[in-house]
Amino acid sequence: IHIYEGKKDKTQIQDIYQLKMYWDGLVVDGINPKKGILISAEHPQTVKDLLGMMNDFRDQKGNKYNFICLTWKDEDVNYPV
């Protein structure tokens, strides 16, 4: 299972925590996500750095988080035009 948190233009630090809440909610429901994807047109360096740090933490079942940043273009979505 891959989960997404999508933002139109630019991500913010709070978006990482939203993605983490989705992950943690799935774990509580007995589902083990494999990847969490933060997707937007661009990602500030502060967001990239924190996302990398989050991958050092573990969820309630002891699995490491696996969060990545992608852009709309990485996923072949033509935004921004």
N, C-alpha and C. Protein backbone atom coordinates (compact mmCIF):
# COMPACT_ATOMS: atom_id res chain seq x y z
N ILE A 1 0.85 -1.18 0.00
CA ILE A 1 0.00 0.00 0.00
C ILE A 1 0.89 1.23 0.00
N HIS A 2 0.65 2.12 -0.93
CA HIS A 2 1.32 3.41 -0.99
C HIS A 2 0.28 4.48 -0.65
N ILE A 3 0.68 5.43 0.18
CA ILE A 3 -0.23 6.51 0.54
C ILE A 3 0.36 7.82 0.03
N TYR A 4 -0.53 8.76 -0.26
CA TYR A 4 -0.12 10.05 -0.82
C TYR A 4 -0.69 11.19 0.01
N GLU A 5 0.10 12.24 0.12
CA GLU A 5 -0.38 13.55 0.56
C GLU A 5 0.00 14.48 -0.57
N GLY A 6 -0.99 15.07 -1.22
CA GLY A 6 -0.74 15.92 -2.37
C GLY A 6 -1.03 17.38 -2.09
N LYS A 7 -0.14 18.23 -2.56
CA LYS A 7 -0.31 19.68 -2.48
C LYS A 7 -0.09 20.24 -3.88
N LYS A 8 -0.86 21.24 -4.23
CA LYS A 8 -0.83 21.77 -5.58
C LYS A 8 0.53 22.37 -5.94
N ASP A 9 0.99 23.33 -5.18
CA ASP A 9 2.18 24.07 -5.58
C ASP A 9 3.44 23.76 -4.78
N LYS A 10 3.38 23.90 -3.46
CA LYS A 10 4.58 23.76 -2.64
C LYS A 10 4.22 23.11 -1.30
N THR A 11 5.04 22.17 -0.88
CA THR A 11 4.81 21.52 0.40
C THR A 11 5.33 22.37 1.55
N GLN A 12 4.78 22.06 2.73
CA GLN A 12 5.20 22.69 3.97
C GLN A 12 5.47 21.58 4.98
N ILE A 13 6.17 21.92 6.05
CA ILE A 13 6.51 20.92 7.06
C ILE A 13 5.26 20.22 7.60
N GLN A 14 4.19 20.95 7.79
CA GLN A 14 2.97 20.34 8.35
C GLN A 14 2.43 19.23 7.45
N ASP A 15 2.74 19.27 6.18
CA ASP A 15 2.27 18.23 5.26
C ASP A 15 2.90 16.88 5.56
N ILE A 16 4.12 16.89 6.08
CA ILE A 16 4.78 15.65 6.48
C ILE A 16 4.01 15.00 7.62
N TYR A 17 3.57 15.81 8.56
CA TYR A 17 2.84 15.27 9.70
C TYR A 17 1.47 14.74 9.29
N GLN A 18 0.88 15.34 8.28
CA GLN A 18 -0.38 14.82 7.75
C GLN A 18 -0.16 13.43 7.15
N LEU A 19 0.90 13.30 6.38
CA LEU A 19 1.23 12.00 5.78
C LEU A 19 1.50 10.97 6.87
N LYS A 20 2.21 11.37 7.93
CA LYS A 20 2.49 10.47 9.06
C LYS A 20 1.20 10.04 9.75
N MET A 21 0.25 10.95 9.88
CA MET A 21 -1.03 10.60 10.50
C MET A 21 -1.76 9.55 9.67
N TYR A 22 -1.71 9.67 8.34
CA TYR A 22 -2.33 8.65 7.48
C TYR A 22 -1.67 7.30 7.73
N TRP A 23 -0.35 7.30 7.72
CA TRP A 23 0.43 6.07 7.93
C TRP A 23 0.05 5.43 9.26
N ASP A 24 0.12 6.23 10.33
CA ASP A 24 -0.16 5.72 11.67
C ASP A 24 -1.60 5.20 11.79
N GLY A 25 -2.53 5.87 11.15
CA GLY A 25 -3.92 5.41 11.16
C GLY A 25 -4.08 4.06 10.50
N LEU A 26 -3.38 3.86 9.40
CA LEU A 26 -3.44 2.55 8.73
C LEU A 26 -2.85 1.46 9.62
N VAL A 27 -1.74 1.76 10.27
CA VAL A 27 -1.10 0.78 11.15
C VAL A 27 -2.06 0.39 12.28
N VAL A 28 -2.72 1.36 12.87
CA VAL A 28 -3.70 1.07 13.94
C VAL A 28 -4.81 0.17 13.41
N ASP A 29 -5.18 0.36 12.13
CA ASP A 29 -6.23 -0.46 11.52
C ASP A 29 -5.72 -1.82 11.02
N GLY A 30 -4.45 -2.12 11.28
CA GLY A 30 -3.91 -3.42 10.89
C GLY A 30 -3.37 -3.49 9.49
N ILE A 31 -3.15 -2.34 8.87
CA ILE A 31 -2.63 -2.27 7.50
C ILE A 31 -1.20 -1.73 7.56
N ASN A 32 -0.28 -2.37 6.83
CA ASN A 32 1.12 -1.94 6.84
C ASN A 32 1.48 -1.25 5.52
N PRO A 33 1.48 0.08 5.53
CA PRO A 33 1.87 0.78 4.30
C PRO A 33 3.35 0.53 3.98
N LYS A 34 3.67 0.55 2.72
CA LYS A 34 5.06 0.34 2.29
C LYS A 34 5.76 1.64 1.95
N LYS A 35 4.99 2.64 1.50
CA LYS A 35 5.59 3.90 1.10
C LYS A 35 4.60 5.03 1.31
N GLY A 36 5.11 6.15 1.79
CA GLY A 36 4.33 7.37 1.92
C GLY A 36 4.92 8.42 0.99
N ILE A 37 4.11 8.96 0.12
CA ILE A 37 4.60 9.86 -0.92
C ILE A 37 4.01 11.25 -0.71
N LEU A 38 4.90 12.22 -0.56
CA LEU A 38 4.52 13.62 -0.49
C LEU A 38 4.73 14.20 -1.88
N ILE A 39 3.63 14.62 -2.51
CA ILE A 39 3.71 15.05 -3.90
C ILE A 39 3.23 16.48 -4.05
N SER A 40 3.97 17.24 -4.86
CA SER A 40 3.67 18.65 -5.10
C SER A 40 4.49 19.12 -6.29
N ALA A 41 4.27 20.36 -6.71
CA ALA A 41 5.08 20.92 -7.79
C ALA A 41 6.51 21.15 -7.33
N GLU A 42 6.69 21.51 -6.04
CA GLU A 42 8.04 21.70 -5.52
C GLU A 42 8.07 21.45 -4.01
N HIS A 43 9.27 21.14 -3.53
CA HIS A 43 9.50 20.84 -2.12
C HIS A 43 10.67 21.68 -1.61
N PRO A 44 10.44 22.55 -0.62
CA PRO A 44 11.56 23.30 -0.04
C PRO A 44 12.57 22.33 0.61
N GLN A 45 13.80 22.77 0.71
CA GLN A 45 14.85 21.93 1.29
C GLN A 45 14.52 21.54 2.73
N THR A 46 13.88 22.44 3.47
CA THR A 46 13.52 22.12 4.86
C THR A 46 12.58 20.92 4.92
N VAL A 47 11.66 20.85 3.97
CA VAL A 47 10.73 19.72 3.91
C VAL A 47 11.48 18.44 3.56
N LYS A 48 12.36 18.51 2.57
CA LYS A 48 13.15 17.34 2.18
C LYS A 48 13.99 16.83 3.35
N ASP A 49 14.61 17.76 4.08
CA ASP A 49 15.46 17.37 5.20
C ASP A 49 14.65 16.68 6.30
N LEU A 50 13.51 17.26 6.66
CA LEU A 50 12.69 16.67 7.72
C LEU A 50 12.12 15.32 7.28
N LEU A 51 11.74 15.23 6.03
CA LEU A 51 11.21 13.96 5.53
C LEU A 51 12.26 12.86 5.66
N GLY A 52 13.50 13.19 5.35
CA GLY A 52 14.59 12.23 5.52
C GLY A 52 14.78 11.82 6.97
N MET A 53 14.67 12.77 7.89
CA MET A 53 14.81 12.47 9.31
C MET A 53 13.66 11.57 9.79
N MET A 54 12.47 11.79 9.27
CA MET A 54 11.31 10.98 9.68
C MET A 54 11.54 9.50 9.36
N ASN A 55 12.30 9.23 8.32
CA ASN A 55 12.55 7.84 7.93
C ASN A 55 13.43 7.10 8.93
N ASP A 56 14.03 7.82 9.88
CA ASP A 56 14.79 7.18 10.95
C ASP A 56 13.89 6.71 12.09
N PHE A 57 12.64 7.16 12.10
CA PHE A 57 11.69 6.79 13.15
C PHE A 57 10.91 5.55 12.75
N ARG A 58 10.29 4.94 13.76
CA ARG A 58 9.52 3.71 13.53
C ARG A 58 8.06 3.91 13.92
N ASP A 59 7.20 3.19 13.24
CA ASP A 59 5.77 3.26 13.56
C ASP A 59 5.45 2.36 14.75
N GLN A 60 4.19 2.26 15.09
CA GLN A 60 3.73 1.52 16.26
C GLN A 60 4.10 0.03 16.20
N LYS A 61 4.25 -0.51 15.00
CA LYS A 61 4.60 -1.93 14.85
C LYS A 61 6.11 -2.14 14.73
N GLY A 62 6.88 -1.05 14.84
CA GLY A 62 8.33 -1.16 14.78
C GLY A 62 8.92 -1.05 13.39
N ASN A 63 8.10 -0.77 12.40
CA ASN A 63 8.59 -0.61 11.03
C ASN A 63 9.04 0.83 10.81
N LYS A 64 10.14 0.99 10.09
CA LYS A 64 10.60 2.33 9.76
C LYS A 64 9.64 2.97 8.75
N TYR A 65 9.43 4.27 8.92
CA TYR A 65 8.66 5.00 7.92
C TYR A 65 9.46 5.02 6.62
N ASN A 66 8.76 5.07 5.53
CA ASN A 66 9.39 5.13 4.21
C ASN A 66 8.70 6.24 3.42
N PHE A 67 9.12 7.47 3.68
CA PHE A 67 8.53 8.64 3.05
C PHE A 67 9.46 9.17 1.96
N ILE A 68 8.86 9.58 0.85
CA ILE A 68 9.63 10.19 -0.23
C ILE A 68 8.89 11.42 -0.75
N CYS A 69 9.65 12.30 -1.41
CA CYS A 69 9.08 13.47 -2.09
C CYS A 69 9.08 13.20 -3.59
N LEU A 70 7.98 13.49 -4.23
CA LEU A 70 7.89 13.45 -5.68
C LEU A 70 7.24 14.74 -6.16
N THR A 71 7.46 15.04 -7.43
CA THR A 71 6.75 16.17 -8.04
C THR A 71 5.69 15.62 -8.98
N TRP A 72 4.78 16.51 -9.35
CA TRP A 72 3.75 16.10 -10.31
C TRP A 72 4.39 15.60 -11.59
N LYS A 73 5.46 16.26 -12.01
CA LYS A 73 6.14 15.84 -13.25
C LYS A 73 6.76 14.46 -13.11
N ASP A 74 7.27 14.13 -11.90
CA ASP A 74 7.80 12.78 -11.67
C ASP A 74 6.75 11.72 -11.95
N GLU A 75 5.50 12.07 -11.68
CA GLU A 75 4.38 11.14 -11.87
C GLU A 75 3.66 11.35 -13.19
N ASP A 76 4.29 12.09 -14.10
CA ASP A 76 3.75 12.37 -15.43
C ASP A 76 2.43 13.12 -15.39
N VAL A 77 2.28 13.99 -14.39
CA VAL A 77 1.12 14.89 -14.34
C VAL A 77 1.62 16.24 -14.84
N ASN A 78 0.99 16.76 -15.86
CA ASN A 78 1.44 17.98 -16.50
C ASN A 78 1.05 19.23 -15.70
N TYR A 79 1.69 19.35 -14.52
CA TYR A 79 1.46 20.53 -13.68
C TYR A 79 2.78 20.90 -13.03
N PRO A 80 3.14 22.17 -12.99
CA PRO A 80 2.47 23.26 -13.69
C PRO A 80 2.78 23.20 -15.18
N VAL A 81 1.87 23.74 -15.94
CA VAL A 81 1.99 23.71 -17.41
C VAL A 81 3.04 24.72 -17.83
